[in-house]
Amino acid sequence: MNIFTIMQAAPAQGGGWQMWIMLALIFVVMWFFMIRPQRKQQKELQNFRDSLKKGDKIVTIGGIYGTVCEIKEESVLIEVDNNVKIRVSKQALVKDFTDPTRQ
């Protein structure tokens, strides 16, 4: 009798439901450590973009620092230097550097 005959003769006991439990646990762990924090970060970023006001100091995805001059539905006019203004999409704004003591 060789090893292959022994493996075929021994039925897998309890392997089916244990596999599904392990897959469910892996999914829960992935959701807890990957999906949940990403959704939280996206929600915070959207709240930041919705609460912009004139005078806020911001930075864009491309690394351009500026001060908010005008806010429209989908875009923001920012001043990057004296009398140098550019219009960017709200989706391009990622950080707020407004001084909290000023508010």
PDB file of N, CA and C in Angstrom:
ATOM      1  N   MET A   1       0.841  -1.167   0.000  1.00  0.00           N
ATOM      2  CA  MET A   1       0.000   0.000   0.000  1.00  0.00           C
ATOM      3  C   MET A   1       0.896   1.243   0.000  1.00  0.00           C
ATOM      4  N   ASN A   2       0.680   2.117  -0.939  1.00  0.00           N
ATOM      5  CA  ASN A   2       1.503   3.322  -1.002  1.00  0.00           C
ATOM      6  C   ASN A   2       0.736   4.520  -0.420  1.00  0.00           C
ATOM      7  N   ILE A   3       1.368   5.658  -0.375  1.00  0.00           N
ATOM      8  CA  ILE A   3       0.822   6.861   0.262  1.00  0.00           C
ATOM      9  C   ILE A   3      -0.433   7.377  -0.441  1.00  0.00           C
ATOM     10  N   PHE A   4      -0.503   7.212  -1.757  1.00  0.00           N
ATOM     11  CA  PHE A   4      -1.661   7.702  -2.510  1.00  0.00           C
ATOM     12  C   PHE A   4      -2.925   6.916  -2.163  1.00  0.00           C
ATOM     13  N   THR A   5      -2.769   5.629  -1.954  1.00  0.00           N
ATOM     14  CA  THR A   5      -3.929   4.826  -1.589  1.00  0.00           C
ATOM     15  C   THR A   5      -4.429   5.197  -0.208  1.00  0.00           C
ATOM     16  N   ILE A   6      -3.534   5.493   0.709  1.00  0.00           N
ATOM     17  CA  ILE A   6      -3.927   5.889   2.068  1.00  0.00           C
ATOM     18  C   ILE A   6      -4.653   7.231   2.035  1.00  0.00           C
ATOM     19  N   MET A   7      -4.162   8.186   1.253  1.00  0.00           N
ATOM     20  CA  MET A   7      -4.789   9.504   1.180  1.00  0.00           C
ATOM     21  C   MET A   7      -6.170   9.417   0.553  1.00  0.00           C
ATOM     22  N   GLN A   8      -6.357   8.543  -0.410  1.00  0.00           N
ATOM     23  CA  GLN A   8      -7.661   8.400  -1.035  1.00  0.00           C
ATOM     24  C   GLN A   8      -8.642   7.698  -0.108  1.00  0.00           C
ATOM     25  N   ALA A   9      -8.155   6.803   0.715  1.00  0.00           N
ATOM     26  CA  ALA A   9      -9.027   6.040   1.604  1.00  0.00           C
ATOM     27  C   ALA A   9      -9.506   6.879   2.789  1.00  0.00           C
ATOM     28  N   ALA A  10      -8.690   7.851   3.243  1.00  0.00           N
ATOM     29  CA  ALA A  10      -9.063   8.679   4.403  1.00  0.00           C
ATOM     30  C   ALA A  10      -9.911   9.860   3.928  1.00  0.00           C
ATOM     31  N   PRO A  11     -11.206   9.881   4.254  1.00  0.00           N
ATOM     32  CA  PRO A  11     -12.061  10.991   3.827  1.00  0.00           C
ATOM     33  C   PRO A  11     -11.734  12.267   4.608  1.00  0.00           C
ATOM     34  N   ALA A  12     -11.910  13.400   3.948  1.00  0.00           N
ATOM     35  CA  ALA A  12     -11.687  14.694   4.606  1.00  0.00           C
ATOM     36  C   ALA A  12     -12.865  14.957   5.527  1.00  0.00           C
ATOM     37  N   GLN A  13     -12.586  15.061   6.791  1.00  0.00           N
ATOM     38  CA  GLN A  13     -13.665  15.249   7.759  1.00  0.00           C
ATOM     39  C   GLN A  13     -13.721  16.706   8.199  1.00  0.00           C
ATOM     40  N   GLY A  14     -14.859  17.329   8.014  1.00  0.00           N
ATOM     41  CA  GLY A  14     -15.048  18.704   8.483  1.00  0.00           C
ATOM     42  C   GLY A  14     -14.304  19.741   7.685  1.00  0.00           C
ATOM     43  N   GLY A  15     -13.747  19.409   6.547  1.00  0.00           N
ATOM     44  CA  GLY A  15     -12.963  20.355   5.768  1.00  0.00           C
ATOM     45  C   GLY A  15     -13.795  21.402   5.067  1.00  0.00           C
ATOM     46  N   GLY A  16     -15.024  21.065   4.685  1.00  0.00           N
ATOM     47  CA  GLY A  16     -15.855  21.986   3.919  1.00  0.00           C
ATOM     48  C   GLY A  16     -16.260  23.223   4.694  1.00  0.00           C
ATOM     49  N   TRP A  17     -16.846  23.066   5.847  1.00  0.00           N
ATOM     50  CA  TRP A  17     -17.308  24.234   6.600  1.00  0.00           C
ATOM     51  C   TRP A  17     -16.159  25.010   7.225  1.00  0.00           C
ATOM     52  N   GLN A  18     -15.068  24.331   7.565  1.00  0.00           N
ATOM     53  CA  GLN A  18     -13.908  25.026   8.122  1.00  0.00           C
ATOM     54  C   GLN A  18     -13.286  25.949   7.086  1.00  0.00           C
ATOM     55  N   MET A  19     -13.295  25.526   5.831  1.00  0.00           N
ATOM     56  CA  MET A  19     -12.752  26.363   4.765  1.00  0.00           C
ATOM     57  C   MET A  19     -13.590  27.641   4.624  1.00  0.00           C
ATOM     58  N   TRP A  20     -14.916  27.524   4.670  1.00  0.00           N
ATOM     59  CA  TRP A  20     -15.791  28.698   4.534  1.00  0.00           C
ATOM     60  C   TRP A  20     -15.622  29.649   5.713  1.00  0.00           C
ATOM     61  N   ILE A  21     -15.430  29.109   6.898  1.00  0.00           N
ATOM     62  CA  ILE A  21     -15.193  29.961   8.071  1.00  0.00           C
ATOM     63  C   ILE A  21     -13.880  30.721   7.911  1.00  0.00           C
ATOM     64  N   MET A  22     -12.848  30.053   7.444  1.00  0.00           N
ATOM     65  CA  MET A  22     -11.549  30.715   7.238  1.00  0.00           C
ATOM     66  C   MET A  22     -11.657  31.806   6.177  1.00  0.00           C
ATOM     67  N   LEU A  23     -12.370  31.526   5.075  1.00  0.00           N
ATOM     68  CA  LEU A  23     -12.554  32.549   4.040  1.00  0.00           C
ATOM     69  C   LEU A  23     -13.317  33.748   4.584  1.00  0.00           C
ATOM     70  N   ALA A  24     -14.337  33.511   5.392  1.00  0.00           N
ATOM     71  CA  ALA A  24     -15.098  34.603   5.992  1.00  0.00           C
ATOM     72  C   ALA A  24     -14.214  35.423   6.933  1.00  0.00           C
ATOM     73  N   LEU A  25     -13.398  34.765   7.709  1.00  0.00           N
ATOM     74  CA  LEU A  25     -12.486  35.475   8.615  1.00  0.00           C
ATOM     75  C   LEU A  25     -11.479  36.319   7.846  1.00  0.00           C
ATOM     76  N   ILE A  26     -10.962  35.792   6.762  1.00  0.00           N
ATOM     77  CA  ILE A  26     -10.015  36.551   5.934  1.00  0.00           C
ATOM     78  C   ILE A  26     -10.697  37.785   5.369  1.00  0.00           C
ATOM     79  N   PHE A  27     -11.935  37.637   4.894  1.00  0.00           N
ATOM     80  CA  PHE A  27     -12.673  38.789   4.358  1.00  0.00           C
ATOM     81  C   PHE A  27     -12.908  39.842   5.436  1.00  0.00           C
ATOM     82  N   VAL A  28     -13.291  39.427   6.634  1.00  0.00           N
ATOM     83  CA  VAL A  28     -13.530  40.377   7.732  1.00  0.00           C
ATOM     84  C   VAL A  28     -12.249  41.123   8.083  1.00  0.00           C
ATOM     85  N   VAL A  29     -11.142  40.426   8.152  1.00  0.00           N
ATOM     86  CA  VAL A  29      -9.864  41.071   8.473  1.00  0.00           C
ATOM     87  C   VAL A  29      -9.468  42.050   7.373  1.00  0.00           C
ATOM     88  N   MET A  30      -9.644  41.660   6.110  1.00  0.00           N
ATOM     89  CA  MET A  30      -9.316  42.572   5.007  1.00  0.00           C
ATOM     90  C   MET A  30     -10.200  43.816   5.063  1.00  0.00           C
ATOM     91  N   TRP A  31     -11.493  43.649   5.339  1.00  0.00           N
ATOM     92  CA  TRP A  31     -12.402  44.790   5.420  1.00  0.00           C
ATOM     93  C   TRP A  31     -11.984  45.715   6.555  1.00  0.00           C
ATOM     94  N   PHE A  32     -11.652  45.124   7.705  1.00  0.00           N
ATOM     95  CA  PHE A  32     -11.315  45.919   8.889  1.00  0.00           C
ATOM     96  C   PHE A  32     -10.023  46.710   8.702  1.00  0.00           C
ATOM     97  N   PHE A  33      -9.025  46.127   8.059  1.00  0.00           N
ATOM     98  CA  PHE A  33      -7.722  46.783   7.938  1.00  0.00           C
ATOM     99  C   PHE A  33      -7.507  47.533   6.632  1.00  0.00           C
ATOM    100  N   MET A  34      -8.317  47.268   5.589  1.00  0.00           N
ATOM    101  CA  MET A  34      -8.065  47.911   4.303  1.00  0.00           C
ATOM    102  C   MET A  34      -9.241  48.773   3.837  1.00  0.00           C
ATOM    103  N   ILE A  35     -10.404  48.209   3.741  1.00  0.00           N
ATOM    104  CA  ILE A  35     -11.536  48.912   3.154  1.00  0.00           C
ATOM    105  C   ILE A  35     -12.088  49.974   4.098  1.00  0.00           C
ATOM    106  N   ARG A  36     -12.278  49.646   5.354  1.00  0.00           N
ATOM    107  CA  ARG A  36     -12.846  50.588   6.326  1.00  0.00           C
ATOM    108  C   ARG A  36     -12.000  51.852   6.478  1.00  0.00           C
ATOM    109  N   PRO A  37     -10.681  51.769   6.675  1.00  0.00           N
ATOM    110  CA  PRO A  37      -9.890  53.003   6.791  1.00  0.00           C
ATOM    111  C   PRO A  37      -9.906  53.842   5.509  1.00  0.00           C
ATOM    112  N   GLN A  38      -9.930  53.193   4.352  1.00  0.00           N
ATOM    113  CA  GLN A  38      -9.949  53.938   3.095  1.00  0.00           C
ATOM    114  C   GLN A  38     -11.260  54.706   2.955  1.00  0.00           C
ATOM    115  N   ARG A  39     -12.370  54.093   3.301  1.00  0.00           N
ATOM    116  CA  ARG A  39     -13.664  54.789   3.245  1.00  0.00           C
ATOM    117  C   ARG A  39     -13.691  55.964   4.218  1.00  0.00           C
ATOM    118  N   LYS A  40     -13.130  55.785   5.393  1.00  0.00           N
ATOM    119  CA  LYS A  40     -13.084  56.859   6.391  1.00  0.00           C
ATOM    120  C   LYS A  40     -12.258  58.025   5.861  1.00  0.00           C
ATOM    121  N   GLN A  41     -11.120  57.735   5.249  1.00  0.00           N
ATOM    122  CA  GLN A  41     -10.263  58.775   4.695  1.00  0.00           C
ATOM    123  C   GLN A  41     -10.962  59.518   3.561  1.00  0.00           C
ATOM    124  N   GLN A  42     -11.685  58.802   2.700  1.00  0.00           N
ATOM    125  CA  GLN A  42     -12.408  59.442   1.604  1.00  0.00           C
ATOM    126  C   GLN A  42     -13.507  60.353   2.133  1.00  0.00           C
ATOM    127  N   LYS A  43     -14.194  59.927   3.191  1.00  0.00           N
ATOM    128  CA  LYS A  43     -15.254  60.734   3.774  1.00  0.00           C
ATOM    129  C   LYS A  43     -14.672  62.019   4.386  1.00  0.00           C
ATOM    130  N   GLU A  44     -13.539  61.911   5.080  1.00  0.00           N
ATOM    131  CA  GLU A  44     -12.894  63.092   5.657  1.00  0.00           C
ATOM    132  C   GLU A  44     -12.439  64.061   4.570  1.00  0.00           C
ATOM    133  N   LEU A  45     -11.905  63.545   3.475  1.00  0.00           N
ATOM    134  CA  LEU A  45     -11.458  64.377   2.364  1.00  0.00           C
ATOM    135  C   LEU A  45     -12.637  65.095   1.713  1.00  0.00           C
ATOM    136  N   GLN A  46     -13.763  64.408   1.557  1.00  0.00           N
ATOM    137  CA  GLN A  46     -14.948  65.043   0.987  1.00  0.00           C
ATOM    138  C   GLN A  46     -15.492  66.123   1.917  1.00  0.00           C
ATOM    139  N   ASN A  47     -15.481  65.875   3.221  1.00  0.00           N
ATOM    140  CA  ASN A  47     -15.918  66.890   4.187  1.00  0.00           C
ATOM    141  C   ASN A  47     -15.018  68.119   4.126  1.00  0.00           C
ATOM    142  N   PHE A  48     -13.710  67.904   3.966  1.00  0.00           N
ATOM    143  CA  PHE A  48     -12.772  69.018   3.831  1.00  0.00           C
ATOM    144  C   PHE A  48     -13.098  69.850   2.604  1.00  0.00           C
ATOM    145  N   ARG A  49     -13.326  69.192   1.483  1.00  0.00           N
ATOM    146  CA  ARG A  49     -13.621  69.908   0.229  1.00  0.00           C
ATOM    147  C   ARG A  49     -14.948  70.655   0.314  1.00  0.00           C
ATOM    148  N   ASP A  50     -15.918  70.084   0.995  1.00  0.00           N
ATOM    149  CA  ASP A  50     -17.222  70.740   1.122  1.00  0.00           C
ATOM    150  C   ASP A  50     -17.190  71.925   2.081  1.00  0.00           C
ATOM    151  N   SER A  51     -16.249  71.939   3.023  1.00  0.00           N
ATOM    152  CA  SER A  51     -16.210  73.005   4.021  1.00  0.00           C
ATOM    153  C   SER A  51     -15.181  74.097   3.708  1.00  0.00           C
ATOM    154  N   LEU A  52     -14.673  74.131   2.493  1.00  0.00           N
ATOM    155  CA  LEU A  52     -13.704  75.167   2.121  1.00  0.00           C
ATOM    156  C   LEU A  52     -14.325  76.546   2.217  1.00  0.00           C
ATOM    157  N   LYS A  53     -13.500  77.511   2.604  1.00  0.00           N
ATOM    158  CA  LYS A  53     -13.958  78.898   2.636  1.00  0.00           C
ATOM    159  C   LYS A  53     -12.820  79.806   2.191  1.00  0.00           C
ATOM    160  N   LYS A  54     -13.179  81.015   1.839  1.00  0.00           N
ATOM    161  CA  LYS A  54     -12.199  81.985   1.361  1.00  0.00           C
ATOM    162  C   LYS A  54     -11.150  82.235   2.447  1.00  0.00           C
ATOM    163  N   GLY A  55      -9.881  82.238   2.031  1.00  0.00           N
ATOM    164  CA  GLY A  55      -8.785  82.481   2.967  1.00  0.00           C
ATOM    165  C   GLY A  55      -8.104  81.222   3.465  1.00  0.00           C
ATOM    166  N   ASP A  56      -8.683  80.058   3.223  1.00  0.00           N
ATOM    167  CA  ASP A  56      -8.042  78.804   3.646  1.00  0.00           C
ATOM    168  C   ASP A  56      -6.763  78.582   2.854  1.00  0.00           C
ATOM    169  N   LYS A  57      -5.739  78.142   3.541  1.00  0.00           N
ATOM    170  CA  LYS A  57      -4.471  77.800   2.886  1.00  0.00           C
ATOM    171  C   LYS A  57      -4.523  76.305   2.578  1.00  0.00           C
ATOM    172  N   ILE A  58      -4.320  75.965   1.303  1.00  0.00           N
ATOM    173  CA  ILE A  58      -4.473  74.579   0.861  1.00  0.00           C
ATOM    174  C   ILE A  58      -3.278  74.132   0.027  1.00  0.00           C
ATOM    175  N   VAL A  59      -3.239  72.836  -0.245  1.00  0.00           N
ATOM    176  CA  VAL A  59      -2.250  72.282  -1.164  1.00  0.00           C
ATOM    177  C   VAL A  59      -2.990  71.331  -2.101  1.00  0.00           C
ATOM    178  N   THR A  60      -2.564  71.319  -3.370  1.00  0.00           N
ATOM    179  CA  THR A  60      -3.199  70.466  -4.361  1.00  0.00           C
ATOM    180  C   THR A  60      -2.477  69.116  -4.441  1.00  0.00           C
ATOM    181  N   ILE A  61      -3.063  68.217  -5.196  1.00  0.00           N
ATOM    182  CA  ILE A  61      -2.449  66.911  -5.416  1.00  0.00           C
ATOM    183  C   ILE A  61      -1.067  67.068  -6.037  1.00  0.00           C
ATOM    184  N   GLY A  62      -0.909  68.077  -6.888  1.00  0.00           N
ATOM    185  CA  GLY A  62       0.367  68.315  -7.566  1.00  0.00           C
ATOM    186  C   GLY A  62       1.394  69.033  -6.708  1.00  0.00           C
ATOM    187  N   GLY A  63       1.031  69.390  -5.477  1.00  0.00           N
ATOM    188  CA  GLY A  63       1.979  70.036  -4.574  1.00  0.00           C
ATOM    189  C   GLY A  63       1.989  71.547  -4.670  1.00  0.00           C
ATOM    190  N   ILE A  64       0.958  72.151  -5.260  1.00  0.00           N
ATOM    191  CA  ILE A  64       0.879  73.603  -5.373  1.00  0.00           C
ATOM    192  C   ILE A  64       0.212  74.150  -4.109  1.00  0.00           C
ATOM    193  N   TYR A  65       0.925  75.040  -3.408  1.00  0.00           N
ATOM    194  CA  TYR A  65       0.387  75.671  -2.211  1.00  0.00           C
ATOM    195  C   TYR A  65      -0.291  76.971  -2.606  1.00  0.00           C
ATOM    196  N   GLY A  66      -1.403  77.273  -1.964  1.00  0.00           N
ATOM    197  CA  GLY A  66      -2.090  78.505  -2.285  1.00  0.00           C
ATOM    198  C   GLY A  66      -3.130  78.858  -1.244  1.00  0.00           C
ATOM    199  N   THR A  67      -3.786  79.993  -1.474  1.00  0.00           N
ATOM    200  CA  THR A  67      -4.844  80.488  -0.601  1.00  0.00           C
ATOM    201  C   THR A  67      -6.128  80.578  -1.421  1.00  0.00           C
ATOM    202  N   VAL A  68      -7.222  80.094  -0.870  1.00  0.00           N
ATOM    203  CA  VAL A  68      -8.497  80.087  -1.573  1.00  0.00           C
ATOM    204  C   VAL A  68      -9.004  81.516  -1.730  1.00  0.00           C
ATOM    205  N   CYS A  69      -9.330  81.894  -2.982  1.00  0.00           N
ATOM    206  CA  CYS A  69      -9.870  83.227  -3.277  1.00  0.00           C
ATOM    207  C   CYS A  69     -11.355  83.166  -3.619  1.00  0.00           C
ATOM    208  N   GLU A  70     -11.750  82.119  -4.317  1.00  0.00           N
ATOM    209  CA  GLU A  70     -13.133  82.010  -4.784  1.00  0.00           C
ATOM    210  C   GLU A  70     -13.502  80.534  -4.872  1.00  0.00           C
ATOM    211  N   ILE A  71     -14.735  80.215  -4.495  1.00  0.00           N
ATOM    212  CA  ILE A  71     -15.190  78.828  -4.520  1.00  0.00           C
ATOM    213  C   ILE A  71     -16.430  78.734  -5.403  1.00  0.00           C
ATOM    214  N   LYS A  72     -16.399  77.798  -6.340  1.00  0.00           N
ATOM    215  CA  LYS A  72     -17.559  77.513  -7.183  1.00  0.00           C
ATOM    216  C   LYS A  72     -17.984  76.071  -6.938  1.00  0.00           C
ATOM    217  N   GLU A  73     -18.991  75.651  -7.682  1.00  0.00           N
ATOM    218  CA  GLU A  73     -19.549  74.299  -7.502  1.00  0.00           C
ATOM    219  C   GLU A  73     -18.486  73.208  -7.635  1.00  0.00           C
ATOM    220  N   GLU A  74     -17.719  73.228  -8.726  1.00  0.00           N
ATOM    221  CA  GLU A  74     -16.753  72.165  -9.009  1.00  0.00           C
ATOM    222  C   GLU A  74     -15.299  72.621  -8.999  1.00  0.00           C
ATOM    223  N   SER A  75     -15.061  73.929  -8.853  1.00  0.00           N
ATOM    224  CA  SER A  75     -13.686  74.422  -8.929  1.00  0.00           C
ATOM    225  C   SER A  75     -13.425  75.469  -7.855  1.00  0.00           C
ATOM    226  N   VAL A  76     -12.143  75.746  -7.680  1.00  0.00           N
ATOM    227  CA  VAL A  76     -11.688  76.723  -6.684  1.00  0.00           C
ATOM    228  C   VAL A  76     -10.611  77.585  -7.331  1.00  0.00           C
ATOM    229  N   LEU A  77     -10.695  78.883  -7.105  1.00  0.00           N
ATOM    230  CA  LEU A  77      -9.658  79.796  -7.563  1.00  0.00           C
ATOM    231  C   LEU A  77      -8.707  80.008  -6.402  1.00  0.00           C
ATOM    232  N   ILE A  78      -7.418  79.681  -6.631  1.00  0.00           N
ATOM    233  CA  ILE A  78      -6.442  79.848  -5.553  1.00  0.00           C
ATOM    234  C   ILE A  78      -5.357  80.818  -5.993  1.00  0.00           C
ATOM    235  N   GLU A  79      -4.887  81.581  -5.025  1.00  0.00           N
ATOM    236  CA  GLU A  79      -3.784  82.510  -5.273  1.00  0.00           C
ATOM    237  C   GLU A  79      -2.508  81.821  -4.830  1.00  0.00           C
ATOM    238  N   VAL A  80      -1.569  81.667  -5.762  1.00  0.00           N
ATOM    239  CA  VAL A  80      -0.326  80.967  -5.464  1.00  0.00           C
ATOM    240  C   VAL A  80       0.835  81.923  -5.221  1.00  0.00           C
ATOM    241  N   ASP A  81       0.696  83.182  -5.644  1.00  0.00           N
ATOM    242  CA  ASP A  81       1.701  84.216  -5.435  1.00  0.00           C
ATOM    243  C   ASP A  81       0.977  85.547  -5.564  1.00  0.00           C
ATOM    244  N   ASN A  82       1.690  86.645  -5.371  1.00  0.00           N
ATOM    245  CA  ASN A  82       1.060  87.954  -5.508  1.00  0.00           C
ATOM    246  C   ASN A  82       0.476  88.109  -6.905  1.00  0.00           C
ATOM    247  N   ASN A  83      -0.835  88.284  -6.979  1.00  0.00           N
ATOM    248  CA  ASN A  83      -1.567  88.476  -8.230  1.00  0.00           C
ATOM    249  C   ASN A  83      -1.405  87.326  -9.226  1.00  0.00           C
ATOM    250  N   VAL A  84      -1.085  86.142  -8.754  1.00  0.00           N
ATOM    251  CA  VAL A  84      -1.022  84.950  -9.604  1.00  0.00           C
ATOM    252  C   VAL A  84      -2.082  83.983  -9.086  1.00  0.00           C
ATOM    253  N   LYS A  85      -3.128  83.800  -9.891  1.00  0.00           N
ATOM    254  CA  LYS A  85      -4.239  82.947  -9.473  1.00  0.00           C
ATOM    255  C   LYS A  85      -4.454  81.844 -10.503  1.00  0.00           C
ATOM    256  N   ILE A  86      -4.797  80.671 -10.004  1.00  0.00           N
ATOM    257  CA  ILE A  86      -5.113  79.559 -10.892  1.00  0.00           C
ATOM    258  C   ILE A  86      -6.420  78.917 -10.421  1.00  0.00           C
ATOM    259  N   ARG A  87      -7.149  78.351 -11.361  1.00  0.00           N
ATOM    260  CA  ARG A  87      -8.388  77.644 -11.039  1.00  0.00           C
ATOM    261  C   ARG A  87      -8.107  76.150 -11.114  1.00  0.00           C
ATOM    262  N   VAL A  88      -8.488  75.441 -10.051  1.00  0.00           N
ATOM    263  CA  VAL A  88      -8.293  73.995  -9.992  1.00  0.00           C
ATOM    264  C   VAL A  88      -9.609  73.330  -9.598  1.00  0.00           C
ATOM    265  N   SER A  89      -9.712  72.081  -9.924  1.00  0.00           N
ATOM    266  CA  SER A  89     -10.873  71.293  -9.533  1.00  0.00           C
ATOM    267  C   SER A  89     -10.850  71.065  -8.023  1.00  0.00           C
ATOM    268  N   LYS A  90     -12.016  70.997  -7.404  1.00  0.00           N
ATOM    269  CA  LYS A  90     -12.070  70.690  -5.974  1.00  0.00           C
ATOM    270  C   LYS A  90     -11.468  69.321  -5.682  1.00  0.00           C
ATOM    271  N   GLN A  91     -11.557  68.424  -6.653  1.00  0.00           N
ATOM    272  CA  GLN A  91     -11.020  67.077  -6.470  1.00  0.00           C
ATOM    273  C   GLN A  91      -9.494  67.070  -6.376  1.00  0.00           C
ATOM    274  N   ALA A  92      -8.849  68.169  -6.770  1.00  0.00           N
ATOM    275  CA  ALA A  92      -7.386  68.253  -6.731  1.00  0.00           C
ATOM    276  C   ALA A  92      -6.870  68.754  -5.381  1.00  0.00           C
ATOM    277  N   LEU A  93      -7.759  69.153  -4.477  1.00  0.00           N
ATOM    278  CA  LEU A  93      -7.336  69.670  -3.178  1.00  0.00           C
ATOM    279  C   LEU A  93      -7.254  68.535  -2.170  1.00  0.00           C
ATOM    280  N   VAL A  94      -6.123  68.507  -1.425  1.00  0.00           N
ATOM    281  CA  VAL A  94      -5.932  67.385  -0.510  1.00  0.00           C
ATOM    282  C   VAL A  94      -5.666  67.783   0.938  1.00  0.00           C
ATOM    283  N   LYS A  95      -5.169  68.987   1.200  1.00  0.00           N
ATOM    284  CA  LYS A  95      -4.825  69.347   2.579  1.00  0.00           C
ATOM    285  C   LYS A  95      -5.192  70.788   2.872  1.00  0.00           C
ATOM    286  N   ASP A  96      -5.382  71.048   4.159  1.00  0.00           N
ATOM    287  CA  ASP A  96      -5.694  72.389   4.636  1.00  0.00           C
ATOM    288  C   ASP A  96      -4.594  72.810   5.605  1.00  0.00           C
ATOM    289  N   PHE A  97      -3.954  73.946   5.308  1.00  0.00           N
ATOM    290  CA  PHE A  97      -2.889  74.442   6.174  1.00  0.00           C
ATOM    291  C   PHE A  97      -3.287  75.735   6.880  1.00  0.00           C
ATOM    292  N   THR A  98      -4.586  75.974   7.019  1.00  0.00           N
ATOM    293  CA  THR A  98      -5.052  77.181   7.692  1.00  0.00           C
ATOM    294  C   THR A  98      -4.605  77.132   9.153  1.00  0.00           C
ATOM    295  N   ASP A  99      -4.173  78.259   9.642  1.00  0.00           N
ATOM    296  CA  ASP A  99      -3.743  78.364  11.034  1.00  0.00           C
ATOM    297  C   ASP A  99      -4.972  78.252  11.950  1.00  0.00           C
ATOM    298  N   PRO A 100      -5.027  77.252  12.850  1.00  0.00           N
ATOM    299  CA  PRO A 100      -6.213  77.062  13.673  1.00  0.00           C
ATOM    300  C   PRO A 100      -6.433  78.204  14.683  1.00  0.00           C
ATOM    301  N   THR A 101      -5.389  78.951  15.036  1.00  0.00           N
ATOM    302  CA  THR A 101      -5.548  80.059  15.983  1.00  0.00           C
ATOM    303  C   THR A 101      -6.225  81.253  15.329  1.00  0.00           C
ATOM    304  N   ARG A 102      -6.225  81.314  14.007  1.00  0.00           N
ATOM    305  CA  ARG A 102      -6.809  82.431  13.271  1.00  0.00           C
ATOM    306  C   ARG A 102      -8.336  82.368  13.255  1.00  0.00           C
ATOM    307  N   GLN A 103      -8.911  81.188  13.364  1.00  0.00           N
ATOM    308  CA  GLN A 103     -10.357  81.042  13.237  1.00  0.00           C
ATOM    309  C   GLN A 103     -11.104  81.473  14.456  1.00  0.00           C
TER     310      GLN A 103
END
